[in-house]
């Protein structure tokens, strides 16, 4: 099987599989803040608790922290309640809000006096990050990643020059960084943006997935990045060798390396079954593109698209009526929407000999975490074994500097 074909197919999945998440956090008061000084004057130890509101009444909030047991927060007329905007780090910029405006799902940071058993706290102050504000910020970020974003595979990295060159449909796009560019890298065994850590260009290597947003040049060949997210991911195409449902692991015989690779399945993994008719249609398009049949390039080229409604992926290849999923406003389909509508399967539905395409994290100790596992892909893997990389990248490389882009 052609290695370029496999790599392009995985890139197609990767662009659409990575989650788009806005990371937010609540600021922390210093002990010299007016709130802290007021609390200290009351006497007693000052306690801080952070979590989401699970239930709420006029006098009590049940707080669900990230770990540990729920905490009862006692509130009253003297409790100072403030609202902070997503991304704001200075608590002085919080604005007063009414206690009754808090809702289930809001993230709050509570200060006050804790009970001896630590199961409750009498709140003197609450800073809230409203769930509705987070969602609004998230949607704004998604739109901005679409308008000003680009993604692709790194082909060259020059830390000294502060530049990354990515390959997008066989074209080079140079991403320029500055001292103000935020650079993050996905953890080796996680695809959650909240787990991405601050990083540097030196950590990026050719072949890594790169997503960036910023101001692009008129011809789309350069981008001045405000934010970059990178990661190393594994691409596996082959047949299932064994399944261990008790450990939620799957061993796959990789067609390229001829080695057996083990991946684990988590609750965040996306397992889907590609119906035969859709697989055949994708395979037919690949064959037309690979053989250069008339109309193939026109049908698959979406480089003229300048609009994209969501940053979960980029421009696609298949047209409407070919199982391509929802079509973008610029004419390109959204494969992530197709994936979301495909029949979901579980580990128990996988059997030895099943043909699969797997996108996973780099992982630790040789075992990665599955991002997306797609079955029913036999026609796709057999469609263009002798196709050149160039002919495959046109319909399958789903990100272009014309505006077809993705967010983290």
Protein backbone atom coordinates (compact mmCIF):
# COMPACT_ATOMS: atom_id res chain seq x y z
CA UNK A 1 0.00 0.00 0.00
CA UNK A 2 1.30 3.46 -0.89
CA UNK A 3 2.75 5.18 2.19
CA UNK A 4 1.82 8.65 0.97
CA UNK A 5 -1.77 7.53 0.59
CA UNK A 6 -1.91 6.21 4.14
CA UNK A 7 -0.32 9.35 5.53
CA UNK A 8 -2.73 11.59 3.66
CA UNK A 9 -5.71 9.56 4.81
CA UNK A 10 -4.60 9.90 8.42
CA UNK A 11 -4.08 13.60 8.06
CA UNK A 12 -7.67 13.80 6.81
CA UNK A 13 -8.83 12.11 9.98
CA UNK A 14 -6.52 14.11 12.24
CA UNK A 15 -7.72 17.49 11.05
CA UNK A 16 -11.28 16.59 11.94
CA UNK A 17 -10.73 14.50 15.04
CA UNK A 18 -8.90 16.87 17.33
CA UNK A 19 -11.25 18.53 19.75
CA UNK A 20 -11.83 22.26 19.76
CA UNK A 21 -11.79 23.44 23.37
CA UNK A 22 -11.35 26.85 24.90
CA UNK A 23 -9.24 26.73 28.04
CA UNK A 24 -10.38 29.04 30.83
CA UNK A 25 -9.40 29.55 34.44
CA UNK A 26 -10.34 31.67 37.39
CA UNK A 27 -7.86 34.24 38.76
CA UNK A 28 -6.57 33.90 42.27
CA UNK A 29 -6.69 36.67 44.88
CA UNK A 30 -3.44 37.58 46.59
CA UNK A 31 -3.39 37.77 50.36
CA UNK A 32 -2.99 41.54 49.98
CA UNK A 33 -6.24 41.95 48.06
CA UNK A 34 -9.14 43.86 49.65
CA UNK A 35 -11.17 40.64 49.85
CA UNK A 36 -8.39 38.76 51.61
CA UNK A 37 -7.79 41.60 54.07
CA UNK A 38 -11.47 41.73 54.94
CA UNK A 39 -11.53 37.98 55.54
CA UNK A 40 -8.42 38.06 57.68
CA UNK A 41 -9.97 40.74 59.90
CA UNK A 42 -12.79 38.30 60.66
CA UNK A 43 -10.33 35.86 62.19
CA UNK A 44 -9.94 32.15 61.56
CA UNK A 45 -8.20 30.23 58.80
CA UNK A 46 -9.00 31.25 55.25
CA UNK A 47 -10.04 28.42 52.96
CA UNK A 48 -10.24 28.42 49.19
CA UNK A 49 -12.30 26.03 47.07
CA UNK A 50 -12.67 25.78 43.29
CA UNK A 51 -15.27 23.83 41.35
CA UNK A 52 -18.52 23.84 39.43
CA UNK A 53 -21.93 24.48 40.94
CA UNK A 54 -23.77 21.17 41.21
CA UNK A 55 -26.90 22.41 42.98
CA UNK A 56 -27.92 25.78 44.36
CA UNK A 57 -30.53 27.18 46.74
CA UNK A 58 -30.98 30.57 48.35
CA UNK A 59 -28.56 29.70 51.15
CA UNK A 60 -26.44 26.74 50.03
CA UNK A 61 -24.35 25.82 46.99
CA UNK A 62 -23.16 22.28 46.41
CA UNK A 63 -19.72 22.60 44.87
CA UNK A 64 -18.29 19.76 42.77
CA UNK A 65 -14.47 20.10 42.74
CA UNK A 66 -12.26 18.50 40.09
CA UNK A 67 -11.36 15.82 42.60
CA UNK A 68 -12.64 14.76 45.98
CA UNK A 69 -16.06 14.92 47.56
CA UNK A 70 -18.69 17.60 47.06
CA UNK A 71 -18.53 20.63 49.35
CA UNK A 72 -21.42 22.59 50.85
CA UNK A 73 -20.93 26.33 50.48
CA UNK A 74 -22.99 28.47 52.86
CA UNK A 75 -23.93 31.84 51.38
CA UNK A 76 -25.75 34.83 52.78
CA UNK A 77 -26.38 38.55 52.40
CA UNK A 78 -22.78 39.36 53.41
CA UNK A 79 -21.25 37.06 50.79
CA UNK A 80 -19.51 39.16 48.16
CA UNK A 81 -20.23 37.80 44.68
CA UNK A 82 -18.37 38.86 41.54
CA UNK A 83 -18.26 37.81 37.90
CA UNK A 84 -15.06 37.46 35.86
CA UNK A 85 -14.76 37.26 32.08
CA UNK A 86 -13.17 34.20 30.42
CA UNK A 87 -9.46 34.74 29.96
CA UNK A 88 -9.26 37.53 32.54
CA UNK A 89 -6.43 36.94 35.02
CA UNK A 90 -6.72 40.00 37.27
CA UNK A 91 -9.37 39.61 39.99
CA UNK A 92 -9.56 43.40 40.25
CA UNK A 93 -11.35 43.37 36.91
CA UNK A 94 -14.22 41.26 38.27
CA UNK A 95 -17.59 42.99 38.38
CA UNK A 96 -20.28 42.71 41.08
CA UNK A 97 -23.16 40.32 40.44
CA UNK A 98 -26.23 39.16 42.32
CA UNK A 99 -26.03 35.87 44.17
CA UNK A 100 -29.28 34.74 42.54
CA UNK A 101 -27.64 35.05 39.11
CA UNK A 102 -25.42 32.03 39.81
CA UNK A 103 -26.53 28.87 38.02
CA UNK A 104 -25.75 25.17 37.93
CA UNK A 105 -22.66 24.60 35.80
CA UNK A 106 -20.97 27.91 36.64
CA UNK A 107 -17.35 27.64 37.75
CA UNK A 108 -16.72 29.42 41.04
CA UNK A 109 -13.82 30.14 43.34
CA UNK A 110 -14.93 30.39 46.96
CA UNK A 111 -13.10 31.97 49.88
CA UNK A 112 -14.25 31.72 53.46
CA UNK A 113 -14.04 29.75 56.70
CA UNK A 114 -14.06 25.98 56.40
CA UNK A 115 -15.65 23.63 58.91
CA UNK A 116 -13.44 21.38 61.03
CA UNK A 117 -14.27 18.34 58.89
CA UNK A 118 -13.61 20.25 55.65
CA UNK A 119 -16.99 19.29 54.21
CA UNK A 120 -18.44 22.80 54.21
CA UNK A 121 -17.34 26.39 53.99
CA UNK A 122 -18.98 29.67 55.01
CA UNK A 123 -18.36 31.86 51.99
CA UNK A 124 -17.22 35.44 52.39
CA UNK A 125 -16.51 35.88 48.68
CA UNK A 126 -17.26 34.13 45.41
CA UNK A 127 -15.76 34.82 42.01
CA UNK A 128 -17.78 33.19 39.24
CA UNK A 129 -17.02 32.25 35.68
CA UNK A 130 -20.44 31.91 34.08
CA UNK A 131 -20.99 28.84 31.92
CA UNK A 132 -22.82 31.03 29.41
CA UNK A 133 -19.79 33.34 29.19
CA UNK A 134 -17.49 30.36 28.63
CA UNK A 135 -19.71 29.05 25.83
CA UNK A 136 -19.88 32.46 24.18
CA UNK A 137 -16.09 32.80 24.37
CA UNK A 138 -15.74 29.28 23.00
CA UNK A 139 -17.92 30.07 19.99
CA UNK A 140 -16.01 33.30 19.36
CA UNK A 141 -12.74 31.39 19.45
CA UNK A 142 -14.10 28.79 17.03
CA UNK A 143 -15.07 31.51 14.57
CA UNK A 144 -11.68 33.17 14.90
CA UNK A 145 -9.85 29.89 14.27
CA UNK A 146 -11.88 29.55 11.09
CA UNK A 147 -11.27 33.04 9.86
CA UNK A 148 -7.62 33.37 10.83
CA UNK A 149 -6.38 29.81 11.24
CA UNK A 150 -4.39 27.27 9.28
CA UNK A 151 -3.30 23.72 10.04
CA UNK A 152 -1.06 21.13 8.50
CA UNK A 153 1.90 18.86 9.02
CA UNK A 154 5.24 20.42 9.89
CA UNK A 155 7.79 19.98 7.11
CA UNK A 156 10.52 22.21 8.59
CA UNK A 157 11.20 23.95 11.90
CA UNK A 158 13.66 26.82 12.41
CA UNK A 159 13.69 27.83 16.11
CA UNK A 160 16.40 30.44 15.51
CA UNK A 161 14.24 32.22 12.93
CA UNK A 162 11.07 31.57 14.93
CA UNK A 163 9.38 29.86 12.01
CA UNK A 164 7.57 26.63 11.18
CA UNK A 165 6.89 25.52 7.62
CA UNK A 166 3.80 23.37 7.23
CA UNK A 167 2.67 21.47 4.18
CA UNK A 168 -0.87 22.14 3.02
CA UNK A 169 -1.98 20.34 -0.13
CA UNK A 170 1.57 20.23 -1.36
CA UNK A 171 2.05 23.97 -0.76
CA UNK A 172 4.26 25.46 1.91
CA UNK A 173 2.89 27.89 4.48
CA UNK A 174 5.41 29.58 6.76
CA UNK A 175 4.22 30.33 10.29
CA UNK A 176 6.16 33.16 11.92
CA UNK A 177 6.30 33.56 15.69
CA UNK A 178 7.18 36.44 17.99
CA UNK A 179 7.73 36.93 21.69
CA UNK A 180 3.99 37.27 22.16
CA UNK A 181 3.05 34.03 20.38
CA UNK A 182 1.43 31.50 22.71
CA UNK A 183 2.80 28.03 21.93
CA UNK A 184 1.23 24.92 23.43
CA UNK A 185 1.82 21.23 22.88
CA UNK A 186 -0.55 18.36 23.47
CA UNK A 187 0.46 15.95 26.20
CA UNK A 188 1.83 12.61 24.90
CA UNK A 189 -1.25 10.72 26.04
CA UNK A 190 -4.00 13.33 25.82
CA UNK A 191 -5.87 15.26 23.15
CA UNK A 192 -7.59 17.58 25.61
CA UNK A 193 -6.60 21.18 25.03
CA UNK A 194 -6.73 21.77 28.79
CA UNK A 195 -3.88 19.25 29.09
CA UNK A 196 -1.74 21.04 26.51
CA UNK A 197 1.34 22.56 28.11
CA UNK A 198 3.28 25.73 27.28
CA UNK A 199 6.00 24.77 24.85
CA UNK A 200 8.59 26.07 22.41
CA UNK A 201 9.39 25.73 18.72
CA UNK A 202 12.28 23.47 19.65
CA UNK A 203 9.74 20.82 20.69
CA UNK A 204 8.19 20.74 17.21
CA UNK A 205 9.50 18.19 14.72
CA UNK A 206 8.81 17.50 11.04
CA UNK A 207 5.68 15.39 10.76
CA UNK A 208 4.00 16.95 13.81
CA UNK A 209 0.50 18.31 13.54
CA UNK A 210 0.53 22.11 13.73
CA UNK A 211 -2.39 24.50 14.10
CA UNK A 212 -1.94 28.25 14.23
CA UNK A 213 -4.02 31.38 14.06
CA UNK A 214 -3.05 34.92 13.29
CA UNK A 215 -2.79 37.36 10.39
CA UNK A 216 -2.15 35.79 6.99
CA UNK A 217 -0.52 37.33 3.97
CA UNK A 218 -2.64 38.10 0.92
CA UNK A 219 -1.47 34.99 -0.93
CA UNK A 220 -1.80 32.78 2.16
CA UNK A 221 1.85 31.68 2.13
CA UNK A 222 2.76 33.35 5.44
CA UNK A 223 1.04 33.70 8.81
CA UNK A 224 2.04 35.84 11.79
CA UNK A 225 0.94 33.58 14.62
CA UNK A 226 -0.73 34.69 17.81
CA UNK A 227 -1.26 31.11 18.96
CA UNK A 228 0.17 27.74 17.96
CA UNK A 229 -0.85 24.27 19.09
CA UNK A 230 1.28 21.25 18.16
CA UNK A 231 1.34 17.54 18.82
CA UNK A 232 2.72 14.20 17.72
CA UNK A 233 0.17 11.57 16.77
CA UNK A 234 0.28 8.03 15.45
CA UNK A 235 -1.39 6.90 12.26
CA UNK A 236 -2.29 3.24 12.01
CA UNK A 237 -3.98 1.40 9.15
CA UNK A 238 -4.39 -2.32 9.34
CA UNK A 239 -6.38 -5.20 10.72
CA UNK A 240 -7.42 -5.98 14.25
CA UNK A 241 -5.19 -8.65 15.72
CA UNK A 242 -6.85 -8.95 19.14
CA UNK A 243 -9.26 -7.18 21.47
CA UNK A 244 -9.14 -7.09 25.27
CA UNK A 245 -12.47 -5.66 26.38
CA UNK A 246 -11.53 -5.93 30.07
CA UNK A 247 -8.53 -3.62 29.56
CA UNK A 248 -10.19 -1.62 26.75
CA UNK A 249 -7.23 -2.23 24.45
CA UNK A 250 -7.01 -3.16 20.79
CA UNK A 251 -4.00 -4.63 19.00
CA UNK A 252 -3.74 -3.73 15.31
CA UNK A 253 -1.42 -5.20 12.70
CA UNK A 254 -0.05 -2.11 10.92
CA UNK A 255 -0.03 -2.63 7.15
CA UNK A 256 2.95 -0.33 6.64
CA UNK A 257 5.31 -1.34 9.42
CA UNK A 258 4.08 -4.95 9.59
CA UNK A 259 4.21 -4.56 13.37
CA UNK A 260 1.48 -5.02 15.95
CA UNK A 261 0.49 -1.78 17.66
CA UNK A 262 -1.62 -1.58 20.83
CA UNK A 263 -3.96 1.32 21.56
CA UNK A 264 -6.29 1.88 24.48
CA UNK A 265 -9.89 3.04 24.28
CA UNK A 266 -11.20 5.68 26.68
CA UNK A 267 -14.55 7.35 27.17
CA UNK A 268 -13.30 10.21 25.00
CA UNK A 269 -12.34 7.93 22.10
CA UNK A 270 -14.51 8.14 19.00
CA UNK A 271 -15.35 4.70 17.56
CA UNK A 272 -17.41 4.70 14.37
CA UNK A 273 -18.56 2.28 11.69
CA UNK A 274 -18.34 3.52 8.10
CA UNK A 275 -21.30 2.15 6.11
CA UNK A 276 -20.31 0.20 2.97
CA UNK A 277 -22.01 2.60 0.55
CA UNK A 278 -20.15 5.61 1.99
CA UNK A 279 -16.83 3.75 2.02
CA UNK A 280 -17.35 2.79 -1.63
CA UNK A 281 -18.09 6.38 -2.60
CA UNK A 282 -14.97 7.70 -0.90
CA UNK A 283 -12.95 4.91 -2.53
CA UNK A 284 -14.40 5.74 -5.95
CA UNK A 285 -13.39 9.35 -5.58
CA UNK A 286 -9.88 8.35 -4.54
CA UNK A 287 -9.59 6.12 -7.59
CA UNK A 288 -10.77 8.89 -9.91
CA UNK A 289 -8.29 11.32 -8.38
CA UNK A 290 -5.43 8.82 -8.46
CA UNK A 291 -6.02 7.95 -12.12
CA UNK A 292 -6.60 11.55 -13.18
CA UNK A 293 -10.03 10.99 -14.65
CA UNK A 294 -11.76 14.10 -16.07
CA UNK A 295 -13.63 16.06 -13.42
CA UNK A 296 -11.89 14.42 -10.49
CA UNK A 297 -9.75 17.39 -9.58
CA UNK A 298 -12.59 19.85 -9.98
CA UNK A 299 -14.87 17.78 -7.83
CA UNK A 300 -12.32 17.45 -5.07
CA UNK A 301 -10.57 20.80 -5.10
CA UNK A 302 -11.94 23.16 -2.49
CA UNK A 303 -9.07 25.61 -2.53
CA UNK A 304 -11.38 28.37 -3.72
CA UNK A 305 -13.40 28.10 -0.54
CA UNK A 306 -13.01 31.14 1.69
CA UNK A 307 -15.58 30.42 4.40
CA UNK A 308 -15.76 27.68 7.01
CA UNK A 309 -18.46 27.52 9.68
CA UNK A 310 -16.55 25.64 12.34
CA UNK A 311 -12.89 25.02 13.21
CA UNK A 312 -13.13 21.32 13.93
CA UNK A 313 -11.57 20.70 10.54
CA UNK A 314 -10.85 22.02 7.12
CA UNK A 315 -11.87 21.72 3.53
CA UNK A 316 -12.80 18.29 2.33
CA UNK A 317 -12.98 16.37 -0.87
CA UNK A 318 -16.20 14.50 -1.36
CA UNK A 319 -19.21 16.28 -2.75
CA UNK A 320 -22.74 16.28 -1.51
CA UNK A 321 -24.59 13.10 -2.26
CA UNK A 322 -21.45 11.08 -1.70
CA UNK A 323 -21.76 10.54 1.99
CA UNK A 324 -19.63 13.55 2.66
CA UNK A 325 -21.54 14.95 5.58
CA UNK A 326 -22.55 18.56 6.00
CA UNK A 327 -21.24 21.03 3.43
CA UNK A 328 -19.47 24.17 4.45
CA UNK A 329 -20.72 27.54 3.31
CA UNK A 330 -17.80 27.81 0.89
CA UNK A 331 -18.71 24.50 -0.74
CA UNK A 332 -16.50 22.13 1.25
CA UNK A 333 -17.90 19.27 3.37
CA UNK A 334 -17.35 18.90 7.08
CA UNK A 335 -16.18 15.35 7.76
CA UNK A 336 -16.44 15.75 11.53
CA UNK A 337 -20.19 16.20 11.16
CA UNK A 338 -20.23 13.03 9.08
CA UNK A 339 -18.29 11.17 11.77
CA UNK A 340 -20.72 12.36 14.42
CA UNK A 341 -23.62 10.89 12.46
CA UNK A 342 -21.99 7.55 11.72
CA UNK A 343 -23.09 4.55 13.81
CA UNK A 344 -21.14 4.42 17.07
CA UNK A 345 -19.56 1.13 18.06
CA UNK A 346 -17.88 -0.19 21.20
CA UNK A 347 -14.81 -2.29 21.89
CA UNK A 348 -17.04 -5.37 21.97
CA UNK A 349 -18.01 -4.73 18.33
CA UNK A 350 -14.43 -5.14 17.15
CA UNK A 351 -13.23 -8.55 15.98
CA UNK A 352 -10.02 -10.09 14.77
CA UNK A 353 -9.50 -9.37 11.08
CA UNK A 354 -11.53 -6.15 10.97
CA UNK A 355 -9.92 -3.47 8.80
CA UNK A 356 -9.48 -0.22 10.74
CA UNK A 357 -7.97 3.21 10.50
CA UNK A 358 -6.81 4.50 13.89
CA UNK A 359 -5.66 7.94 14.92
CA UNK A 360 -4.04 7.89 18.37
CA UNK A 361 -1.85 9.90 20.68
CA UNK A 362 1.89 9.32 20.76
CA UNK A 363 1.34 7.59 24.07
CA UNK A 364 3.66 6.30 26.75
CA UNK A 365 5.45 2.96 26.87
CA UNK A 366 4.35 2.25 23.31
CA UNK A 367 0.61 2.34 24.03
CA UNK A 368 -1.32 5.32 22.70
CA UNK A 369 -4.82 6.53 23.44
CA UNK A 370 -7.30 6.27 20.60
CA UNK A 371 -8.68 9.53 19.28
CA UNK A 372 -10.66 8.06 16.40
CA UNK A 373 -11.09 4.47 15.27
CA UNK A 374 -12.98 3.86 12.06
CA UNK A 375 -14.07 0.45 10.83
CA UNK A 376 -15.56 -0.56 7.49
CA UNK A 377 -12.63 1.03 5.67
CA UNK A 378 -11.56 -1.88 3.42
CA UNK A 379 -12.54 -0.08 0.18
CA UNK A 380 -10.68 3.08 1.24
CA UNK A 381 -7.46 1.23 2.09
CA UNK A 382 -7.59 -0.59 -1.24
CA UNK A 383 -8.65 2.35 -3.39
CA UNK A 384 -5.34 3.79 -4.57
CA UNK A 385 -2.36 1.59 -3.62
CA UNK A 386 -0.20 3.06 -6.39
CA UNK A 387 -1.39 6.67 -6.22
CA UNK A 388 1.15 9.44 -5.91
CA UNK A 389 1.21 11.70 -2.87
CA UNK A 390 0.31 14.73 -4.94
CA UNK A 391 -2.86 13.23 -6.36
CA UNK A 392 -4.02 12.07 -2.93
CA UNK A 393 -3.31 15.34 -1.11
CA UNK A 394 -5.77 17.30 -3.23
CA UNK A 395 -8.89 15.57 -1.90
CA UNK A 396 -7.58 14.37 1.43
CA UNK A 397 -5.44 17.15 2.86
CA UNK A 398 -8.20 19.15 4.44
CA UNK A 399 -6.55 22.41 5.38
CA UNK A 400 -5.72 25.25 3.05
CA UNK A 401 -4.45 28.77 3.54
CA UNK A 402 -7.49 30.09 1.69
CA UNK A 403 -9.50 29.86 4.89
CA UNK A 404 -10.22 26.17 5.39
CA UNK A 405 -8.77 25.77 8.82
CA UNK A 406 -9.16 24.30 12.23
CA UNK A 407 -8.94 25.24 15.87
CA UNK A 408 -7.42 23.27 18.68
